[in-house]
């Protein structure tokens, strides 16, 4: 997992300060409330444990912890992996235990928040079609053609209303579409076997 330089500096500041397990717990409580509930609780920085720290160092630690929490949740890190990462920054055993237990407690909510923020593509839920026959076109010329009206029904979890895509095509165009879909399916099967 790649962490930004400011996040790494913030994590290093946590061990250089050094944060006690109870101060880390207070700081983590602030981080998780900001991430999960959307609350910025400036009053949490005024706890007894955190008041002895320099305000700039405290904000740098807060930024480092927030970055680590988000990256760990994004990669769905296990607590053991997270503990190994915290070892690299020389966190004490008790601080690692506090961090991993808080992370486990809030992991589900964090993943929900991350999923809500990520853009998602519409999901195809159904296809409907109707066969039509055109006798004349707009210029009143006789055409006598078969055509298909295809409608793709889709859902998007980010948007409440579903959006349907409809189009008309000739039998030849429909055969071309089916051939391209079959080619795509073969490519997916090959990629799945590799």
C-alpha atoms as a PDB file:
ATOM      1  CA  UNK A   1       0.000   0.000   0.000  1.00  0.00           C
ATOM      2  CA  UNK A   2       1.393   3.356  -1.053  1.00  0.00           C
ATOM      3  CA  UNK A   3       0.976   6.214   1.432  1.00  0.00           C
ATOM      4  CA  UNK A   4       1.520   9.855   0.580  1.00  0.00           C
ATOM      5  CA  UNK A   5       4.454  11.757   2.037  1.00  0.00           C
ATOM      6  CA  UNK A   6       2.240  13.895   4.289  1.00  0.00           C
ATOM      7  CA  UNK A   7       0.484  10.791   5.629  1.00  0.00           C
ATOM      8  CA  UNK A   8       3.847   9.171   6.334  1.00  0.00           C
ATOM      9  CA  UNK A   9       5.003  12.369   8.068  1.00  0.00           C
ATOM     10  CA  UNK A  10       1.828  12.374  10.161  1.00  0.00           C
ATOM     11  CA  UNK A  11       2.323   8.764  11.236  1.00  0.00           C
ATOM     12  CA  UNK A  12       5.936   9.472  12.109  1.00  0.00           C
ATOM     13  CA  UNK A  13       4.781  12.481  14.154  1.00  0.00           C
ATOM     14  CA  UNK A  14       2.474  10.176  16.136  1.00  0.00           C
ATOM     15  CA  UNK A  15       5.441   8.171  17.399  1.00  0.00           C
ATOM     16  CA  UNK A  16       7.783  11.172  17.693  1.00  0.00           C
ATOM     17  CA  UNK A  17       5.290  13.095  19.856  1.00  0.00           C
ATOM     18  CA  UNK A  18       4.853  10.267  21.469  1.00  0.00           C
ATOM     19  CA  UNK A  19       1.134   9.649  21.807  1.00  0.00           C
ATOM     20  CA  UNK A  20      -0.052   7.610  24.754  1.00  0.00           C
ATOM     21  CA  UNK A  21      -2.644   4.904  24.028  1.00  0.00           C
ATOM     22  CA  UNK A  22      -5.398   7.024  25.604  1.00  0.00           C
ATOM     23  CA  UNK A  23      -4.358  10.109  23.553  1.00  0.00           C
ATOM     24  CA  UNK A  24      -4.328   7.950  20.426  1.00  0.00           C
ATOM     25  CA  UNK A  25      -7.799   6.659  21.324  1.00  0.00           C
ATOM     26  CA  UNK A  26      -9.065  10.255  21.636  1.00  0.00           C
ATOM     27  CA  UNK A  27      -7.497  11.201  18.317  1.00  0.00           C
ATOM     28  CA  UNK A  28      -8.898   8.083  16.615  1.00  0.00           C
ATOM     29  CA  UNK A  29     -12.350   8.861  18.012  1.00  0.00           C
ATOM     30  CA  UNK A  30     -12.112  12.264  16.311  1.00  0.00           C
ATOM     31  CA  UNK A  31     -10.963  10.681  13.043  1.00  0.00           C
ATOM     32  CA  UNK A  32     -13.695   8.048  12.934  1.00  0.00           C
ATOM     33  CA  UNK A  33     -16.432  10.521  13.876  1.00  0.00           C
ATOM     34  CA  UNK A  34     -15.294  12.802  11.033  1.00  0.00           C
ATOM     35  CA  UNK A  35     -15.138   9.942   8.533  1.00  0.00           C
ATOM     36  CA  UNK A  36     -18.193   7.917   9.530  1.00  0.00           C
ATOM     37  CA  UNK A  37     -20.571  10.553  10.822  1.00  0.00           C
ATOM     38  CA  UNK A  38     -19.287  13.535   8.862  1.00  0.00           C
ATOM     39  CA  UNK A  39     -18.720  15.497  12.040  1.00  0.00           C
ATOM     40  CA  UNK A  40     -15.673  17.664  12.604  1.00  0.00           C
ATOM     41  CA  UNK A  41     -15.316  17.754  16.348  1.00  0.00           C
ATOM     42  CA  UNK A  42     -12.769  20.413  17.154  1.00  0.00           C
ATOM     43  CA  UNK A  43     -13.667  20.006  20.867  1.00  0.00           C
ATOM     44  CA  UNK A  44     -12.168  16.498  20.849  1.00  0.00           C
ATOM     45  CA  UNK A  45      -8.736  18.066  20.342  1.00  0.00           C
ATOM     46  CA  UNK A  46      -9.150  19.753  23.724  1.00  0.00           C
ATOM     47  CA  UNK A  47      -9.032  16.560  25.789  1.00  0.00           C
ATOM     48  CA  UNK A  48      -6.495  16.434  28.626  1.00  0.00           C
ATOM     49  CA  UNK A  49      -4.278  13.978  26.795  1.00  0.00           C
ATOM     50  CA  UNK A  50      -4.145  16.005  23.591  1.00  0.00           C
ATOM     51  CA  UNK A  51      -3.912  19.505  25.125  1.00  0.00           C
ATOM     52  CA  UNK A  52      -0.245  18.979  25.980  1.00  0.00           C
ATOM     53  CA  UNK A  53       0.654  18.492  22.302  1.00  0.00           C
ATOM     54  CA  UNK A  54       1.598  21.280  19.915  1.00  0.00           C
ATOM     55  CA  UNK A  55      -1.432  22.200  17.773  1.00  0.00           C
ATOM     56  CA  UNK A  56       0.535  21.798  14.524  1.00  0.00           C
ATOM     57  CA  UNK A  57       1.823  18.368  15.546  1.00  0.00           C
ATOM     58  CA  UNK A  58      -1.670  17.341  16.575  1.00  0.00           C
ATOM     59  CA  UNK A  59      -3.104  18.302  13.191  1.00  0.00           C
ATOM     60  CA  UNK A  60      -0.289  16.503  11.390  1.00  0.00           C
ATOM     61  CA  UNK A  61      -0.967  13.354  13.465  1.00  0.00           C
ATOM     62  CA  UNK A  62      -4.685  13.679  12.741  1.00  0.00           C
ATOM     63  CA  UNK A  63      -4.009  13.957   8.991  1.00  0.00           C
ATOM     64  CA  UNK A  64      -1.679  10.946   9.045  1.00  0.00           C
ATOM     65  CA  UNK A  65      -4.183   8.792  10.917  1.00  0.00           C
ATOM     66  CA  UNK A  66      -7.041   9.845   8.622  1.00  0.00           C
ATOM     67  CA  UNK A  67      -4.984   8.970   5.551  1.00  0.00           C
ATOM     68  CA  UNK A  68      -4.002   5.591   6.956  1.00  0.00           C
ATOM     69  CA  UNK A  69      -7.582   4.771   7.952  1.00  0.00           C
ATOM     70  CA  UNK A  70      -8.922   5.621   4.490  1.00  0.00           C
ATOM     71  CA  UNK A  71      -6.209   3.712   2.635  1.00  0.00           C
ATOM     72  CA  UNK A  72      -6.576   0.689   4.908  1.00  0.00           C
ATOM     73  CA  UNK A  73     -10.344   0.641   4.383  1.00  0.00           C
ATOM     74  CA  UNK A  74      -9.941   1.148   0.646  1.00  0.00           C
ATOM     75  CA  UNK A  75      -7.628  -1.876   0.450  1.00  0.00           C
ATOM     76  CA  UNK A  76      -9.714  -3.845   2.999  1.00  0.00           C
ATOM     77  CA  UNK A  77      -6.637  -4.501   5.116  1.00  0.00           C
ATOM     78  CA  UNK A  78      -6.749  -7.143   7.795  1.00  0.00           C
ATOM     79  CA  UNK A  79      -5.821  -6.067  11.348  1.00  0.00           C
ATOM     80  CA  UNK A  80      -2.619  -8.151  11.202  1.00  0.00           C
ATOM     81  CA  UNK A  81      -1.513  -6.352   8.018  1.00  0.00           C
ATOM     82  CA  UNK A  82      -2.353  -3.044   9.633  1.00  0.00           C
ATOM     83  CA  UNK A  83      -0.325  -4.008  12.705  1.00  0.00           C
ATOM     84  CA  UNK A  84       2.677  -4.794  10.516  1.00  0.00           C
ATOM     85  CA  UNK A  85       2.344  -1.414   8.822  1.00  0.00           C
ATOM     86  CA  UNK A  86       2.173   0.330  12.190  1.00  0.00           C
ATOM     87  CA  UNK A  87       5.355  -1.551  13.184  1.00  0.00           C
ATOM     88  CA  UNK A  88       7.154   0.265  10.370  1.00  0.00           C
ATOM     89  CA  UNK A  89       6.298   3.559  12.079  1.00  0.00           C
ATOM     90  CA  UNK A  90       7.365   2.231  15.509  1.00  0.00           C
ATOM     91  CA  UNK A  91       3.955   2.308  17.174  1.00  0.00           C
ATOM     92  CA  UNK A  92       3.939   0.660  20.604  1.00  0.00           C
ATOM     93  CA  UNK A  93       2.119  -2.648  21.087  1.00  0.00           C
ATOM     94  CA  UNK A  94      -0.643  -0.962  23.081  1.00  0.00           C
ATOM     95  CA  UNK A  95      -1.099   1.788  20.463  1.00  0.00           C
ATOM     96  CA  UNK A  96      -1.300  -0.856  17.712  1.00  0.00           C
ATOM     97  CA  UNK A  97      -3.969  -2.697  19.707  1.00  0.00           C
ATOM     98  CA  UNK A  98      -5.975   0.540  20.177  1.00  0.00           C
ATOM     99  CA  UNK A  99      -5.703   1.396  16.473  1.00  0.00           C
ATOM    100  CA  UNK A 100      -6.615  -2.057  15.137  1.00  0.00           C
ATOM    101  CA  UNK A 101      -9.569  -2.488  17.503  1.00  0.00           C
ATOM    102  CA  UNK A 102     -10.963   0.949  16.560  1.00  0.00           C
ATOM    103  CA  UNK A 103     -10.423   0.116  12.875  1.00  0.00           C
ATOM    104  CA  UNK A 104     -12.259  -3.206  13.219  1.00  0.00           C
ATOM    105  CA  UNK A 105     -15.131  -1.540  15.034  1.00  0.00           C
ATOM    106  CA  UNK A 106     -15.652   1.069  12.302  1.00  0.00           C
ATOM    107  CA  UNK A 107     -14.627  -0.977   9.238  1.00  0.00           C
ATOM    108  CA  UNK A 108     -18.180  -1.699   7.990  1.00  0.00           C
ATOM    109  CA  UNK A 109     -19.215   1.937   8.249  1.00  0.00           C
ATOM    110  CA  UNK A 110     -16.018   3.057   6.500  1.00  0.00           C
ATOM    111  CA  UNK A 111     -16.589   0.726   3.561  1.00  0.00           C
ATOM    112  CA  UNK A 112     -20.183   1.967   3.292  1.00  0.00           C
ATOM    113  CA  UNK A 113     -18.954   5.571   3.202  1.00  0.00           C
ATOM    114  CA  UNK A 114     -16.314   4.740   0.581  1.00  0.00           C
ATOM    115  CA  UNK A 115     -18.848   2.906  -1.589  1.00  0.00           C
ATOM    116  CA  UNK A 116     -21.239   5.843  -1.364  1.00  0.00           C
ATOM    117  CA  UNK A 117     -18.503   8.212  -2.514  1.00  0.00           C
ATOM    118  CA  UNK A 118     -17.275   6.112  -5.416  1.00  0.00           C
ATOM    119  CA  UNK A 119     -18.847   6.550  -8.817  1.00  0.00           C
ATOM    120  CA  UNK A 120     -20.695   3.524 -10.056  1.00  0.00           C
ATOM    121  CA  UNK A 121     -21.763   2.463 -13.502  1.00  0.00           C
ATOM    122  CA  UNK A 122     -25.361   1.541 -14.247  1.00  0.00           C
ATOM    123  CA  UNK A 123     -26.152  -2.164 -13.962  1.00  0.00           C
ATOM    124  CA  UNK A 124     -28.149  -3.813 -16.738  1.00  0.00           C
ATOM    125  CA  UNK A 125     -31.198  -5.416 -15.142  1.00  0.00           C
ATOM    126  CA  UNK A 126     -33.402  -6.393 -18.079  1.00  0.00           C
ATOM    127  CA  UNK A 127     -33.751  -6.256 -21.857  1.00  0.00           C
ATOM    128  CA  UNK A 128     -37.032  -6.013 -23.721  1.00  0.00           C
ATOM    129  CA  UNK A 129     -37.651  -6.036 -27.453  1.00  0.00           C
ATOM    130  CA  UNK A 130     -40.456  -5.614 -29.896  1.00  0.00           C
ATOM    131  CA  UNK A 131     -40.661  -6.563 -33.544  1.00  0.00           C
ATOM    132  CA  UNK A 132     -41.950  -3.884 -35.880  1.00  0.00           C
ATOM    133  CA  UNK A 133     -42.726  -3.618 -39.547  1.00  0.00           C
ATOM    134  CA  UNK A 134     -42.365  -0.392 -41.525  1.00  0.00           C
ATOM    135  CA  UNK A 135     -44.510  -0.051 -44.610  1.00  0.00           C
ATOM    136  CA  UNK A 136     -43.552   3.537 -45.476  1.00  0.00           C
ATOM    137  CA  UNK A 137     -40.867   5.953 -44.325  1.00  0.00           C
ATOM    138  CA  UNK A 138     -41.204   9.692 -43.508  1.00  0.00           C
ATOM    139  CA  UNK A 139     -41.142  10.587 -47.206  1.00  0.00           C
ATOM    140  CA  UNK A 140     -44.049   8.227 -47.928  1.00  0.00           C
ATOM    141  CA  UNK A 141     -41.838   5.880 -49.910  1.00  0.00           C
ATOM    142  CA  UNK A 142     -42.688   2.221 -49.649  1.00  0.00           C
ATOM    143  CA  UNK A 143     -39.942   0.390 -47.676  1.00  0.00           C
ATOM    144  CA  UNK A 144     -41.469  -2.857 -46.325  1.00  0.00           C
ATOM    145  CA  UNK A 145     -38.806  -3.482 -43.643  1.00  0.00           C
ATOM    146  CA  UNK A 146     -38.608  -5.430 -40.395  1.00  0.00           C
ATOM    147  CA  UNK A 147     -37.073  -3.600 -37.455  1.00  0.00           C
ATOM    148  CA  UNK A 148     -36.522  -4.267 -33.788  1.00  0.00           C
ATOM    149  CA  UNK A 149     -37.066  -1.871 -30.924  1.00  0.00           C
ATOM    150  CA  UNK A 150     -34.616  -2.863 -28.145  1.00  0.00           C
ATOM    151  CA  UNK A 151     -34.822  -1.398 -24.640  1.00  0.00           C
ATOM    152  CA  UNK A 152     -32.086  -1.900 -22.028  1.00  0.00           C
ATOM    153  CA  UNK A 153     -33.385  -1.389 -18.482  1.00  0.00           C
ATOM    154  CA  UNK A 154     -30.701  -0.374 -16.002  1.00  0.00           C
ATOM    155  CA  UNK A 155     -30.267   0.613 -12.365  1.00  0.00           C
ATOM    156  CA  UNK A 156     -27.724   2.882 -10.763  1.00  0.00           C
ATOM    157  CA  UNK A 157     -27.257   2.609  -7.004  1.00  0.00           C
ATOM    158  CA  UNK A 158     -26.220   6.271  -6.841  1.00  0.00           C
ATOM    159  CA  UNK A 159     -29.325   7.596  -8.611  1.00  0.00           C
ATOM    160  CA  UNK A 160     -32.878   6.888  -7.439  1.00  0.00           C
ATOM    161  CA  UNK A 161     -34.437   6.724 -10.915  1.00  0.00           C
ATOM    162  CA  UNK A 162     -33.486   4.063 -13.411  1.00  0.00           C
ATOM    163  CA  UNK A 163     -32.588   5.108 -16.932  1.00  0.00           C
ATOM    164  CA  UNK A 164     -33.672   3.053 -19.910  1.00  0.00           C
ATOM    165  CA  UNK A 165     -31.879   3.081 -23.252  1.00  0.00           C
ATOM    166  CA  UNK A 166     -34.016   2.389 -26.325  1.00  0.00           C
ATOM    167  CA  UNK A 167     -33.029   2.092 -29.961  1.00  0.00           C
ATOM    168  CA  UNK A 168     -34.329   0.720 -33.262  1.00  0.00           C
ATOM    169  CA  UNK A 169     -32.291  -1.548 -35.509  1.00  0.00           C
ATOM    170  CA  UNK A 170     -32.635  -3.719 -38.577  1.00  0.00           C
ATOM    171  CA  UNK A 171     -32.176  -7.502 -38.406  1.00  0.00           C
ATOM    172  CA  UNK A 172     -28.641  -7.097 -39.838  1.00  0.00           C
ATOM    173  CA  UNK A 173     -27.732  -4.489 -37.210  1.00  0.00           C
ATOM    174  CA  UNK A 174     -29.111  -6.754 -34.486  1.00  0.00           C
ATOM    175  CA  UNK A 175     -26.960  -9.644 -35.764  1.00  0.00           C
ATOM    176  CA  UNK A 176     -23.882  -7.367 -35.669  1.00  0.00           C
ATOM    177  CA  UNK A 177     -24.706  -6.371 -32.084  1.00  0.00           C
ATOM    178  CA  UNK A 178     -25.107 -10.008 -31.034  1.00  0.00           C
ATOM    179  CA  UNK A 179     -21.784 -10.929 -32.706  1.00  0.00           C
ATOM    180  CA  UNK A 180     -19.986  -8.126 -30.835  1.00  0.00           C
ATOM    181  CA  UNK A 181     -21.536  -9.210 -27.523  1.00  0.00           C
ATOM    182  CA  UNK A 182     -20.429 -12.800 -28.160  1.00  0.00           C
ATOM    183  CA  UNK A 183     -16.872 -11.561 -28.878  1.00  0.00           C
ATOM    184  CA  UNK A 184     -16.915  -9.606 -25.624  1.00  0.00           C
ATOM    185  CA  UNK A 185     -18.114 -12.703 -23.757  1.00  0.00           C
ATOM    186  CA  UNK A 186     -15.287 -14.806 -25.225  1.00  0.00           C
ATOM    187  CA  UNK A 187     -12.762 -12.160 -24.153  1.00  0.00           C
ATOM    188  CA  UNK A 188     -14.121 -12.188 -20.613  1.00  0.00           C
ATOM    189  CA  UNK A 189     -13.945 -15.993 -20.483  1.00  0.00           C
ATOM    190  CA  UNK A 190     -10.311 -15.934 -21.710  1.00  0.00           C
ATOM    191  CA  UNK A 191      -9.399 -13.302 -19.130  1.00  0.00           C
ATOM    192  CA  UNK A 192     -11.072 -15.378 -16.400  1.00  0.00           C
ATOM    193  CA  UNK A 193      -9.057 -18.470 -17.339  1.00  0.00           C
ATOM    194  CA  UNK A 194      -5.702 -16.649 -17.369  1.00  0.00           C
END
